[in-house]
Amino acid sequence: ILDQIGGGEARLRLNRGVQWKVVRFGPSLGATMLTSDLSNHDYGVPVEKATPERPAYELDETFSVEAGLGVSVEIAPRVHVYVNGVVEWLGEDVTDSPIVEDDYVLKGFGALTYVF
């Protein structure tokens, strides 16, 4: 889809796993930068789509930071459960957009795997 939108994303994430019995915890910290094209696609309001209630809004590059925790558990031989949760705090230029209501985004993931 980026070949139609243009722009790009750079992401840096640091994490460190800690084992405790059959549970592995993985706290993480990260930062993301979106180019202007991608920022405007996600958070901007083009002039032609503006209304009196939703004014035009254009962004430059945007930055966000995040913190998360991943947990994996071996519940049986060859069977694992993975759960991950992240809070991403959006930059002020993003939260100033008329189409953005919150200062943060909650993300989550879960999986159950069986190793053959």
PDB file of N, CA and C in Angstrom:
ATOM      1  N   ILE A   1       0.824  -1.195   0.000  1.00  0.00           N
ATOM      2  CA  ILE A   1       0.000   0.000   0.000  1.00  0.00           C
ATOM      3  C   ILE A   1       0.869   1.260   0.000  1.00  0.00           C
ATOM      4  N   LEU A   2       2.118   1.162   0.505  1.00  0.00           N
ATOM      5  CA  LEU A   2       2.971   2.348   0.547  1.00  0.00           C
ATOM      6  C   LEU A   2       3.307   2.873  -0.847  1.00  0.00           C
ATOM      7  N   ASP A   3       3.265   2.011  -1.865  1.00  0.00           N
ATOM      8  CA  ASP A   3       3.534   2.512  -3.208  1.00  0.00           C
ATOM      9  C   ASP A   3       2.403   3.414  -3.710  1.00  0.00           C
ATOM     10  N   GLN A   4       1.235   3.352  -3.088  1.00  0.00           N
ATOM     11  CA  GLN A   4       0.122   4.226  -3.443  1.00  0.00           C
ATOM     12  C   GLN A   4       0.078   5.471  -2.559  1.00  0.00           C
ATOM     13  N   ILE A   5       0.474   5.342  -1.300  1.00  0.00           N
ATOM     14  CA  ILE A   5       0.445   6.464  -0.359  1.00  0.00           C
ATOM     15  C   ILE A   5       1.726   7.269  -0.448  1.00  0.00           C
ATOM     16  N   GLY A   6       2.850   6.583  -0.554  1.00  0.00           N
ATOM     17  CA  GLY A   6       4.151   7.234  -0.482  1.00  0.00           C
ATOM     18  C   GLY A   6       4.595   7.321   0.969  1.00  0.00           C
ATOM     19  N   GLY A   7       5.823   7.695   1.163  1.00  0.00           N
ATOM     20  CA  GLY A   7       6.322   7.872   2.513  1.00  0.00           C
ATOM     21  C   GLY A   7       6.849   6.592   3.113  1.00  0.00           C
ATOM     22  N   GLY A   8       7.149   6.668   4.393  1.00  0.00           N
ATOM     23  CA  GLY A   8       7.697   5.508   5.067  1.00  0.00           C
ATOM     24  C   GLY A   8       7.658   5.657   6.570  1.00  0.00           C
ATOM     25  N   GLU A   9       8.188   4.637   7.226  1.00  0.00           N
ATOM     26  CA  GLU A   9       8.153   4.551   8.678  1.00  0.00           C
ATOM     27  C   GLU A   9       9.490   4.009   9.165  1.00  0.00           C
ATOM     28  N   ALA A  10       9.999   4.585  10.251  1.00  0.00           N
ATOM     29  CA  ALA A  10      11.197   4.056  10.910  1.00  0.00           C
ATOM     30  C   ALA A  10      10.804   3.731  12.349  1.00  0.00           C
ATOM     31  N   ARG A  11      11.216   2.562  12.795  1.00  0.00           N
ATOM     32  CA  ARG A  11      10.818   2.112  14.129  1.00  0.00           C
ATOM     33  C   ARG A  11      12.036   1.541  14.847  1.00  0.00           C
ATOM     34  N   LEU A  12      12.178   1.901  16.118  1.00  0.00           N
ATOM     35  CA  LEU A  12      13.229   1.366  16.972  1.00  0.00           C
ATOM     36  C   LEU A  12      12.564   0.823  18.229  1.00  0.00           C
ATOM     37  N   ARG A  13      12.866  -0.424  18.560  1.00  0.00           N
ATOM     38  CA  ARG A  13      12.278  -1.028  19.759  1.00  0.00           C
ATOM     39  C   ARG A  13      13.373  -1.790  20.506  1.00  0.00           C
ATOM     40  N   LEU A  14      13.396  -1.582  21.804  1.00  0.00           N
ATOM     41  CA  LEU A  14      14.318  -2.298  22.678  1.00  0.00           C
ATOM     42  C   LEU A  14      13.498  -3.178  23.609  1.00  0.00           C
ATOM     43  N   ASN A  15      13.902  -4.433  23.741  1.00  0.00           N
ATOM     44  CA  ASN A  15      13.214  -5.298  24.699  1.00  0.00           C
ATOM     45  C   ASN A  15      14.211  -6.259  25.323  1.00  0.00           C
ATOM     46  N   ARG A  16      13.835  -6.748  26.466  1.00  0.00           N
ATOM     47  CA  ARG A  16      14.700  -7.655  27.211  1.00  0.00           C
ATOM     48  C   ARG A  16      13.827  -8.720  27.858  1.00  0.00           C
ATOM     49  N   GLY A  17      14.033  -9.954  27.454  1.00  0.00           N
ATOM     50  CA  GLY A  17      13.264 -11.050  28.011  1.00  0.00           C
ATOM     51  C   GLY A  17      13.820 -11.527  29.343  1.00  0.00           C
ATOM     52  N   VAL A  18      12.918 -11.898  30.248  1.00  0.00           N
ATOM     53  CA  VAL A  18      13.283 -12.415  31.557  1.00  0.00           C
ATOM     54  C   VAL A  18      12.487 -13.694  31.796  1.00  0.00           C
ATOM     55  N   GLN A  19      13.197 -14.770  32.059  1.00  0.00           N
ATOM     56  CA  GLN A  19      12.551 -16.061  32.293  1.00  0.00           C
ATOM     57  C   GLN A  19      12.267 -16.241  33.783  1.00  0.00           C
ATOM     58  N   TRP A  20      11.052 -16.714  34.106  1.00  0.00           N
ATOM     59  CA  TRP A  20      10.697 -17.079  35.470  1.00  0.00           C
ATOM     60  C   TRP A  20       9.871 -18.351  35.399  1.00  0.00           C
ATOM     61  N   LYS A  21      10.486 -19.463  35.757  1.00  0.00           N
ATOM     62  CA  LYS A  21       9.878 -20.788  35.649  1.00  0.00           C
ATOM     63  C   LYS A  21       9.449 -21.032  34.206  1.00  0.00           C
ATOM     64  N   VAL A  22       8.148 -21.267  33.924  1.00  0.00           N
ATOM     65  CA  VAL A  22       7.708 -21.530  32.550  1.00  0.00           C
ATOM     66  C   VAL A  22       7.190 -20.264  31.857  1.00  0.00           C
ATOM     67  N   VAL A  23       7.331 -19.124  32.528  1.00  0.00           N
ATOM     68  CA  VAL A  23       6.826 -17.858  31.985  1.00  0.00           C
ATOM     69  C   VAL A  23       8.005 -16.988  31.562  1.00  0.00           C
ATOM     70  N   ARG A  24       7.881 -16.386  30.383  1.00  0.00           N
ATOM     71  CA  ARG A  24       8.899 -15.441  29.898  1.00  0.00           C
ATOM     72  C   ARG A  24       8.230 -14.080  29.740  1.00  0.00           C
ATOM     73  N   PHE A  25       8.786 -13.074  30.416  1.00  0.00           N
ATOM     74  CA  PHE A  25       8.304 -11.698  30.339  1.00  0.00           C
ATOM     75  C   PHE A  25       9.232 -10.908  29.423  1.00  0.00           C
ATOM     76  N   GLY A  26       8.663 -10.040  28.609  1.00  0.00           N
ATOM     77  CA  GLY A  26       9.467  -9.225  27.710  1.00  0.00           C
ATOM     78  C   GLY A  26       9.016  -7.777  27.697  1.00  0.00           C
ATOM     79  N   PRO A  27       9.471  -6.959  28.668  1.00  0.00           N
ATOM     80  CA  PRO A  27       9.136  -5.542  28.613  1.00  0.00           C
ATOM     81  C   PRO A  27       9.846  -4.875  27.435  1.00  0.00           C
ATOM     82  N   SER A  28       9.230  -3.832  26.869  1.00  0.00           N
ATOM     83  CA  SER A  28       9.826  -3.160  25.714  1.00  0.00           C
ATOM     84  C   SER A  28       9.553  -1.664  25.749  1.00  0.00           C
ATOM     85  N   LEU A  29      10.449  -0.924  25.107  1.00  0.00           N
ATOM     86  CA  LEU A  29      10.310   0.516  24.872  1.00  0.00           C
ATOM     87  C   LEU A  29      10.596   0.751  23.404  1.00  0.00           C
ATOM     88  N   GLY A  30       9.890   1.708  22.800  1.00  0.00           N
ATOM     89  CA  GLY A  30      10.112   1.951  21.386  1.00  0.00           C
ATOM     90  C   GLY A  30       9.774   3.364  20.971  1.00  0.00           C
ATOM     91  N   ALA A  31      10.196   3.689  19.761  1.00  0.00           N
ATOM     92  CA  ALA A  31       9.900   4.986  19.154  1.00  0.00           C
ATOM     93  C   ALA A  31       9.632   4.762  17.671  1.00  0.00           C
ATOM     94  N   THR A  32       8.708   5.558  17.125  1.00  0.00           N
ATOM     95  CA  THR A  32       8.340   5.452  15.707  1.00  0.00           C
ATOM     96  C   THR A  32       8.340   6.828  15.080  1.00  0.00           C
ATOM     97  N   MET A  33       8.847   6.917  13.851  1.00  0.00           N
ATOM     98  CA  MET A  33       8.807   8.148  13.070  1.00  0.00           C
ATOM     99  C   MET A  33       8.093   7.846  11.757  1.00  0.00           C
ATOM    100  N   LEU A  34       7.075   8.643  11.428  1.00  0.00           N
ATOM    101  CA  LEU A  34       6.384   8.532  10.144  1.00  0.00           C
ATOM    102  C   LEU A  34       6.760   9.734   9.290  1.00  0.00           C
ATOM    103  N   THR A  35       6.998   9.498   8.003  1.00  0.00           N
ATOM    104  CA  THR A  35       7.273  10.612   7.101  1.00  0.00           C
ATOM    105  C   THR A  35       6.002  11.442   6.912  1.00  0.00           C
ATOM    106  N   SER A  36       6.169  12.604   6.325  1.00  0.00           N
ATOM    107  CA  SER A  36       5.054  13.522   6.124  1.00  0.00           C
ATOM    108  C   SER A  36       3.925  12.886   5.305  1.00  0.00           C
ATOM    109  N   ASP A  37       4.260  12.190   4.222  1.00  0.00           N
ATOM    110  CA  ASP A  37       3.226  11.572   3.380  1.00  0.00           C
ATOM    111  C   ASP A  37       2.392  10.564   4.169  1.00  0.00           C
ATOM    112  N   LEU A  38       3.052   9.711   4.925  1.00  0.00           N
ATOM    113  CA  LEU A  38       2.338   8.698   5.692  1.00  0.00           C
ATOM    114  C   LEU A  38       1.579   9.327   6.865  1.00  0.00           C
ATOM    115  N   SER A  39       2.176  10.335   7.508  1.00  0.00           N
ATOM    116  CA  SER A  39       1.488  11.040   8.595  1.00  0.00           C
ATOM    117  C   SER A  39       0.201  11.691   8.103  1.00  0.00           C
ATOM    118  N   ASN A  40       0.267  12.335   6.943  1.00  0.00           N
ATOM    119  CA  ASN A  40      -0.920  12.985   6.405  1.00  0.00           C
ATOM    120  C   ASN A  40      -1.980  11.979   5.974  1.00  0.00           C
ATOM    121  N   HIS A  41      -1.552  10.830   5.471  1.00  0.00           N
ATOM    122  CA  HIS A  41      -2.515   9.795   5.112  1.00  0.00           C
ATOM    123  C   HIS A  41      -3.272   9.304   6.339  1.00  0.00           C
ATOM    124  N   ASP A  42      -2.545   9.094   7.449  1.00  0.00           N
ATOM    125  CA  ASP A  42      -3.153   8.533   8.658  1.00  0.00           C
ATOM    126  C   ASP A  42      -3.882   9.565   9.507  1.00  0.00           C
ATOM    127  N   TYR A  43      -3.354  10.786   9.594  1.00  0.00           N
ATOM    128  CA  TYR A  43      -3.870  11.760  10.560  1.00  0.00           C
ATOM    129  C   TYR A  43      -4.265  13.111   9.967  1.00  0.00           C
ATOM    130  N   GLY A  44      -3.965  13.343   8.719  1.00  0.00           N
ATOM    131  CA  GLY A  44      -4.247  14.643   8.121  1.00  0.00           C
ATOM    132  C   GLY A  44      -5.650  14.743   7.539  1.00  0.00           C
ATOM    133  N   VAL A  45      -6.043  15.993   7.247  1.00  0.00           N
ATOM    134  CA  VAL A  45      -7.318  16.261   6.583  1.00  0.00           C
ATOM    135  C   VAL A  45      -7.010  17.108   5.353  1.00  0.00           C
ATOM    136  N   PRO A  46      -7.134  16.531   4.139  1.00  0.00           N
ATOM    137  CA  PRO A  46      -6.862  17.312   2.931  1.00  0.00           C
ATOM    138  C   PRO A  46      -7.862  18.466   2.776  1.00  0.00           C
ATOM    139  N   VAL A  47      -7.431  19.520   2.114  1.00  0.00           N
ATOM    140  CA  VAL A  47      -8.287  20.697   1.912  1.00  0.00           C
ATOM    141  C   VAL A  47      -9.609  20.308   1.260  1.00  0.00           C
ATOM    142  N   GLU A  48      -9.564  19.417   0.274  1.00  0.00           N
ATOM    143  CA  GLU A  48     -10.786  19.026  -0.440  1.00  0.00           C
ATOM    144  C   GLU A  48     -11.752  18.200   0.415  1.00  0.00           C
ATOM    145  N   LYS A  49     -11.294  17.671   1.531  1.00  0.00           N
ATOM    146  CA  LYS A  49     -12.163  16.891   2.424  1.00  0.00           C
ATOM    147  C   LYS A  49     -12.540  17.659   3.694  1.00  0.00           C
ATOM    148  N   ALA A  50     -12.071  18.889   3.802  1.00  0.00           N
ATOM    149  CA  ALA A  50     -12.334  19.687   4.999  1.00  0.00           C
ATOM    150  C   ALA A  50     -13.794  20.121   5.053  1.00  0.00           C
ATOM    151  N   THR A  51     -14.306  20.264   6.266  1.00  0.00           N
ATOM    152  CA  THR A  51     -15.656  20.779   6.508  1.00  0.00           C
ATOM    153  C   THR A  51     -15.544  21.819   7.625  1.00  0.00           C
ATOM    154  N   PRO A  52     -16.594  22.581   7.886  1.00  0.00           N
ATOM    155  CA  PRO A  52     -16.512  23.541   8.996  1.00  0.00           C
ATOM    156  C   PRO A  52     -16.230  22.857  10.346  1.00  0.00           C
ATOM    157  N   GLU A  53     -16.725  21.635  10.540  1.00  0.00           N
ATOM    158  CA  GLU A  53     -16.489  20.909  11.789  1.00  0.00           C
ATOM    159  C   GLU A  53     -15.140  20.189  11.801  1.00  0.00           C
ATOM    160  N   ARG A  54     -14.583  19.947  10.622  1.00  0.00           N
ATOM    161  CA  ARG A  54     -13.311  19.226  10.494  1.00  0.00           C
ATOM    162  C   ARG A  54     -12.412  20.017   9.540  1.00  0.00           C
ATOM    163  N   PRO A  55     -11.638  20.972  10.085  1.00  0.00           N
ATOM    164  CA  PRO A  55     -10.816  21.817   9.224  1.00  0.00           C
ATOM    165  C   PRO A  55      -9.651  21.052   8.595  1.00  0.00           C
ATOM    166  N   ALA A  56      -9.105  21.621   7.534  1.00  0.00           N
ATOM    167  CA  ALA A  56      -7.929  21.036   6.889  1.00  0.00           C
ATOM    168  C   ALA A  56      -6.778  20.987   7.896  1.00  0.00           C
ATOM    169  N   TYR A  57      -5.972  19.942   7.798  1.00  0.00           N
ATOM    170  CA  TYR A  57      -4.854  19.789   8.723  1.00  0.00           C
ATOM    171  C   TYR A  57      -3.741  19.044   8.012  1.00  0.00           C
ATOM    172  N   GLU A  58      -2.537  19.611   8.033  1.00  0.00           N
ATOM    173  CA  GLU A  58      -1.382  19.013   7.367  1.00  0.00           C
ATOM    174  C   GLU A  58      -0.256  18.830   8.374  1.00  0.00           C
ATOM    175  N   LEU A  59       0.453  17.713   8.247  1.00  0.00           N
ATOM    176  CA  LEU A  59       1.528  17.395   9.182  1.00  0.00           C
ATOM    177  C   LEU A  59       2.859  17.267   8.470  1.00  0.00           C
ATOM    178  N   ASP A  60       3.930  17.462   9.235  1.00  0.00           N
ATOM    179  CA  ASP A  60       5.273  17.103   8.793  1.00  0.00           C
ATOM    180  C   ASP A  60       5.540  15.697   9.313  1.00  0.00           C
ATOM    181  N   GLU A  61       6.797  15.338   9.520  1.00  0.00           N
ATOM    182  CA  GLU A  61       7.097  14.047  10.121  1.00  0.00           C
ATOM    183  C   GLU A  61       6.492  14.010  11.525  1.00  0.00           C
ATOM    184  N   THR A  62       6.088  12.821  11.956  1.00  0.00           N
ATOM    185  CA  THR A  62       5.522  12.674  13.296  1.00  0.00           C
ATOM    186  C   THR A  62       6.293  11.613  14.068  1.00  0.00           C
ATOM    187  N   PHE A  63       6.267  11.761  15.380  1.00  0.00           N
ATOM    188  CA  PHE A  63       6.984  10.846  16.262  1.00  0.00           C
ATOM    189  C   PHE A  63       6.043  10.359  17.359  1.00  0.00           C
ATOM    190  N   SER A  64       6.248   9.120  17.787  1.00  0.00           N
ATOM    191  CA  SER A  64       5.499   8.568  18.914  1.00  0.00           C
ATOM    192  C   SER A  64       6.438   7.670  19.712  1.00  0.00           C
ATOM    193  N   VAL A  65       6.083   7.438  20.966  1.00  0.00           N
ATOM    194  CA  VAL A  65       6.844   6.519  21.814  1.00  0.00           C
ATOM    195  C   VAL A  65       5.885   5.469  22.355  1.00  0.00           C
ATOM    196  N   GLU A  66       6.430   4.310  22.704  1.00  0.00           N
ATOM    197  CA  GLU A  66       5.577   3.233  23.193  1.00  0.00           C
ATOM    198  C   GLU A  66       6.282   2.422  24.272  1.00  0.00           C
ATOM    199  N   ALA A  67       5.459   1.785  25.094  1.00  0.00           N
ATOM    200  CA  ALA A  67       5.949   0.857  26.113  1.00  0.00           C
ATOM    201  C   ALA A  67       5.028  -0.351  26.094  1.00  0.00           C
ATOM    202  N   GLY A  68       5.606  -1.519  26.275  1.00  0.00           N
ATOM    203  CA  GLY A  68       4.783  -2.719  26.211  1.00  0.00           C
ATOM    204  C   GLY A  68       5.315  -3.837  27.075  1.00  0.00           C
ATOM    205  N   LEU A  69       4.531  -4.895  27.139  1.00  0.00           N
ATOM    206  CA  LEU A  69       4.919  -6.088  27.868  1.00  0.00           C
ATOM    207  C   LEU A  69       4.400  -7.304  27.110  1.00  0.00           C
ATOM    208  N   GLY A  70       5.307  -8.197  26.804  1.00  0.00           N
ATOM    209  CA  GLY A  70       4.947  -9.467  26.197  1.00  0.00           C
ATOM    210  C   GLY A  70       5.137 -10.584  27.205  1.00  0.00           C
ATOM    211  N   VAL A  71       4.264 -11.572  27.162  1.00  0.00           N
ATOM    212  CA  VAL A  71       4.348 -12.718  28.069  1.00  0.00           C
ATOM    213  C   VAL A  71       4.139 -13.985  27.237  1.00  0.00           C
ATOM    214  N   SER A  72       4.997 -14.954  27.454  1.00  0.00           N
ATOM    215  CA  SER A  72       4.786 -16.263  26.831  1.00  0.00           C
ATOM    216  C   SER A  72       4.857 -17.324  27.918  1.00  0.00           C
ATOM    217  N   VAL A  73       3.980 -18.319  27.771  1.00  0.00           N
ATOM    218  CA  VAL A  73       3.870 -19.384  28.772  1.00  0.00           C
ATOM    219  C   VAL A  73       3.811 -20.720  28.052  1.00  0.00           C
ATOM    220  N   GLU A  74       4.612 -21.657  28.516  1.00  0.00           N
ATOM    221  CA  GLU A  74       4.513 -23.029  28.011  1.00  0.00           C
ATOM    222  C   GLU A  74       3.481 -23.738  28.880  1.00  0.00           C
ATOM    223  N   ILE A  75       2.275 -23.960  28.318  1.00  0.00           N
ATOM    224  CA  ILE A  75       1.202 -24.558  29.116  1.00  0.00           C
ATOM    225  C   ILE A  75       1.209 -26.084  29.052  1.00  0.00           C
ATOM    226  N   ALA A  76       1.918 -26.632  28.089  1.00  0.00           N
ATOM    227  CA  ALA A  76       2.094 -28.074  27.949  1.00  0.00           C
ATOM    228  C   ALA A  76       3.284 -28.276  27.021  1.00  0.00           C
ATOM    229  N   PRO A  77       3.864 -29.487  27.012  1.00  0.00           N
ATOM    230  CA  PRO A  77       4.950 -29.704  26.061  1.00  0.00           C
ATOM    231  C   PRO A  77       4.491 -29.381  24.633  1.00  0.00           C
ATOM    232  N   ARG A  78       5.235 -28.507  23.983  1.00  0.00           N
ATOM    233  CA  ARG A  78       4.989 -28.104  22.591  1.00  0.00           C
ATOM    234  C   ARG A  78       3.800 -27.162  22.428  1.00  0.00           C
ATOM    235  N   VAL A  79       3.190 -26.694  23.510  1.00  0.00           N
ATOM    236  CA  VAL A  79       2.061 -25.760  23.427  1.00  0.00           C
ATOM    237  C   VAL A  79       2.416 -24.482  24.199  1.00  0.00           C
ATOM    238  N   HIS A  80       2.321 -23.347  23.507  1.00  0.00           N
ATOM    239  CA  HIS A  80       2.655 -22.054  24.103  1.00  0.00           C
ATOM    240  C   HIS A  80       1.512 -21.064  23.915  1.00  0.00           C
ATOM    241  N   VAL A  81       1.378 -20.157  24.885  1.00  0.00           N
ATOM    242  CA  VAL A  81       0.456 -19.026  24.789  1.00  0.00           C
ATOM    243  C   VAL A  81       1.303 -17.757  24.756  1.00  0.00           C
ATOM    244  N   TYR A  82       0.990 -16.865  23.822  1.00  0.00           N
ATOM    245  CA  TYR A  82       1.687 -15.586  23.702  1.00  0.00           C
ATOM    246  C   TYR A  82       0.667 -14.456  23.831  1.00  0.00           C
ATOM    247  N   VAL A  83       0.984 -13.478  24.675  1.00  0.00           N
ATOM    248  CA  VAL A  83       0.136 -12.302  24.852  1.00  0.00           C
ATOM    249  C   VAL A  83       1.058 -11.087  24.875  1.00  0.00           C
ATOM    250  N   ASN A  84       0.653 -10.033  24.176  1.00  0.00           N
ATOM    251  CA  ASN A  84       1.455  -8.813  24.126  1.00  0.00           C
ATOM    252  C   ASN A  84       0.527  -7.604  24.198  1.00  0.00           C
ATOM    253  N   GLY A  85       0.895  -6.624  24.983  1.00  0.00           N
ATOM    254  CA  GLY A  85       0.142  -5.377  25.071  1.00  0.00           C
ATOM    255  C   GLY A  85       1.083  -4.191  24.982  1.00  0.00           C
ATOM    256  N   VAL A  86       0.656  -3.147  24.278  1.00  0.00           N
ATOM    257  CA  VAL A  86       1.490  -1.964  24.064  1.00  0.00           C
ATOM    258  C   VAL A  86       0.627  -0.718  24.198  1.00  0.00           C
ATOM    259  N   VAL A  87       1.197   0.316  24.804  1.00  0.00           N
ATOM    260  CA  VAL A  87       0.588   1.647  24.803  1.00  0.00           C
ATOM    261  C   VAL A  87       1.491   2.542  23.973  1.00  0.00           C
ATOM    262  N   GLU A  88       0.928   3.161  22.933  1.00  0.00           N
ATOM    263  CA  GLU A  88       1.677   4.104  22.091  1.00  0.00           C
ATOM    264  C   GLU A  88       1.142   5.502  22.357  1.00  0.00           C
ATOM    265  N   TRP A  89       2.036   6.389  22.812  1.00  0.00           N
ATOM    266  CA  TRP A  89       1.656   7.779  23.052  1.00  0.00           C
ATOM    267  C   TRP A  89       1.968   8.578  21.785  1.00  0.00           C
ATOM    268  N   LEU A  90       0.948   9.195  21.219  1.00  0.00           N
ATOM    269  CA  LEU A  90       1.072   9.939  19.970  1.00  0.00           C
ATOM    270  C   LEU A  90       1.671  11.311  20.235  1.00  0.00           C
ATOM    271  N   GLY A  91       2.421  11.818  19.266  1.00  0.00           N
ATOM    272  CA  GLY A  91       3.011  13.144  19.388  1.00  0.00           C
ATOM    273  C   GLY A  91       1.950  14.235  19.349  1.00  0.00           C
ATOM    274  N   GLU A  92       2.308  15.415  19.852  1.00  0.00           N
ATOM    275  CA  GLU A  92       1.362  16.528  19.923  1.00  0.00           C
ATOM    276  C   GLU A  92       0.846  16.942  18.550  1.00  0.00           C
ATOM    277  N   ASP A  93       1.691  16.866  17.532  1.00  0.00           N
ATOM    278  CA  ASP A  93       1.231  17.219  16.190  1.00  0.00           C
ATOM    279  C   ASP A  93       0.143  16.264  15.699  1.00  0.00           C
ATOM    280  N   VAL A  94       0.183  15.016  16.124  1.00  0.00           N
ATOM    281  CA  VAL A  94      -0.866  14.047  15.774  1.00  0.00           C
ATOM    282  C   VAL A  94      -2.122  14.309  16.595  1.00  0.00           C
ATOM    283  N   THR A  95      -1.964  14.517  17.889  1.00  0.00           N
ATOM    284  CA  THR A  95      -3.143  14.708  18.750  1.00  0.00           C
ATOM    285  C   THR A  95      -3.848  16.035  18.482  1.00  0.00           C
ATOM    286  N   ASP A  96      -3.166  16.973  17.830  1.00  0.00           N
ATOM    287  CA  ASP A  96      -3.805  18.236  17.438  1.00  0.00           C
ATOM    288  C   ASP A  96      -4.699  18.074  16.213  1.00  0.00           C
ATOM    289  N   SER A  97      -4.600  16.949  15.515  1.00  0.00           N
ATOM    290  CA  SER A  97      -5.412  16.713  14.320  1.00  0.00           C
ATOM    291  C   SER A  97      -6.893  16.647  14.693  1.00  0.00           C
ATOM    292  N   PRO A  98      -7.755  17.230  13.863  1.00  0.00           N
ATOM    293  CA  PRO A  98      -9.193  17.197  14.167  1.00  0.00           C
ATOM    294  C   PRO A  98      -9.823  15.808  14.061  1.00  0.00           C
ATOM    295  N   ILE A  99      -9.109  14.832  13.513  1.00  0.00           N
ATOM    296  CA  ILE A  99      -9.673  13.480  13.411  1.00  0.00           C
ATOM    297  C   ILE A  99      -9.111  12.529  14.468  1.00  0.00           C
ATOM    298  N   VAL A 100      -8.298  13.041  15.384  1.00  0.00           N
ATOM    299  CA  VAL A 100      -7.717  12.221  16.447  1.00  0.00           C
ATOM    300  C   VAL A 100      -8.328  12.663  17.772  1.00  0.00           C
ATOM    301  N   GLU A 101      -8.887  11.707  18.514  1.00  0.00           N
ATOM    302  CA  GLU A 101      -9.535  12.030  19.786  1.00  0.00           C
ATOM    303  C   GLU A 101      -8.662  11.772  20.998  1.00  0.00           C
ATOM    304  N   ASP A 102      -7.825  10.725  20.972  1.00  0.00           N
ATOM    305  CA  ASP A 102      -7.061  10.327  22.146  1.00  0.00           C
ATOM    306  C   ASP A 102      -5.577  10.616  21.970  1.00  0.00           C
ATOM    307  N   ASP A 103      -4.873  10.692  23.093  1.00  0.00           N
ATOM    308  CA  ASP A 103      -3.431  10.938  23.081  1.00  0.00           C
ATOM    309  C   ASP A 103      -2.625   9.652  22.953  1.00  0.00           C
ATOM    310  N   TYR A 104      -3.299   8.515  23.011  1.00  0.00           N
ATOM    311  CA  TYR A 104      -2.605   7.241  23.008  1.00  0.00           C
ATOM    312  C   TYR A 104      -3.421   6.199  22.243  1.00  0.00           C
ATOM    313  N   VAL A 105      -2.734   5.105  21.892  1.00  0.00           N
ATOM    314  CA  VAL A 105      -3.363   3.969  21.224  1.00  0.00           C
ATOM    315  C   VAL A 105      -2.986   2.718  22.004  1.00  0.00           C
ATOM    316  N   LEU A 106      -3.969   1.879  22.297  1.00  0.00           N
ATOM    317  CA  LEU A 106      -3.717   0.593  22.938  1.00  0.00           C
ATOM    318  C   LEU A 106      -3.672  -0.488  21.862  1.00  0.00           C
ATOM    319  N   LYS A 107      -2.650  -1.337  21.929  1.00  0.00           N
ATOM    320  CA  LYS A 107      -2.503  -2.419  20.956  1.00  0.00           C
ATOM    321  C   LYS A 107      -2.346  -3.731  21.705  1.00  0.00           C
ATOM    322  N   GLY A 108      -2.871  -4.790  21.143  1.00  0.00           N
ATOM    323  CA  GLY A 108      -2.754  -6.081  21.789  1.00  0.00           C
ATOM    324  C   GLY A 108      -2.657  -7.215  20.784  1.00  0.00           C
ATOM    325  N   PHE A 109      -2.116  -8.332  21.232  1.00  0.00           N
ATOM    326  CA  PHE A 109      -1.943  -9.507  20.385  1.00  0.00           C
ATOM    327  C   PHE A 109      -1.986 -10.736  21.279  1.00  0.00           C
ATOM    328  N   GLY A 110      -2.582 -11.790  20.797  1.00  0.00           N
ATOM    329  CA  GLY A 110      -2.583 -13.055  21.513  1.00  0.00           C
ATOM    330  C   GLY A 110      -2.522 -14.214  20.547  1.00  0.00           C
ATOM    331  N   ALA A 111      -1.850 -15.286  20.940  1.00  0.00           N
ATOM    332  CA  ALA A 111      -1.763 -16.462  20.081  1.00  0.00           C
ATOM    333  C   ALA A 111      -1.562 -17.714  20.926  1.00  0.00           C
ATOM    334  N   LEU A 112      -2.059 -18.796  20.402  1.00  0.00           N
ATOM    335  CA  LEU A 112      -1.847 -20.127  20.969  1.00  0.00           C
ATOM    336  C   LEU A 112      -1.151 -20.940  19.888  1.00  0.00           C
ATOM    337  N   THR A 113       0.004 -21.530  20.213  1.00  0.00           N
ATOM    338  CA  THR A 113       0.758 -22.272  19.203  1.00  0.00           C
ATOM    339  C   THR A 113       1.007 -23.709  19.648  1.00  0.00           C
ATOM    340  N   TYR A 114       1.104 -24.569  18.670  1.00  0.00           N
ATOM    341  CA  TYR A 114       1.479 -25.956  18.874  1.00  0.00           C
ATOM    342  C   TYR A 114       2.653 -26.250  17.945  1.00  0.00           C
ATOM    343  N   VAL A 115       3.739 -26.756  18.489  1.00  0.00           N
ATOM    344  CA  VAL A 115       4.920 -27.061  17.689  1.00  0.00           C
ATOM    345  C   VAL A 115       4.869 -28.533  17.280  1.00  0.00           C
ATOM    346  N   PHE A 116       4.849 -28.788  15.973  1.00  0.00           N
ATOM    347  CA  PHE A 116       4.790 -30.163  15.465  1.00  0.00           C
ATOM    348  C   PHE A 116       6.134 -30.837  15.564  1.00  0.00           C
TER     349      PHE A 116
END
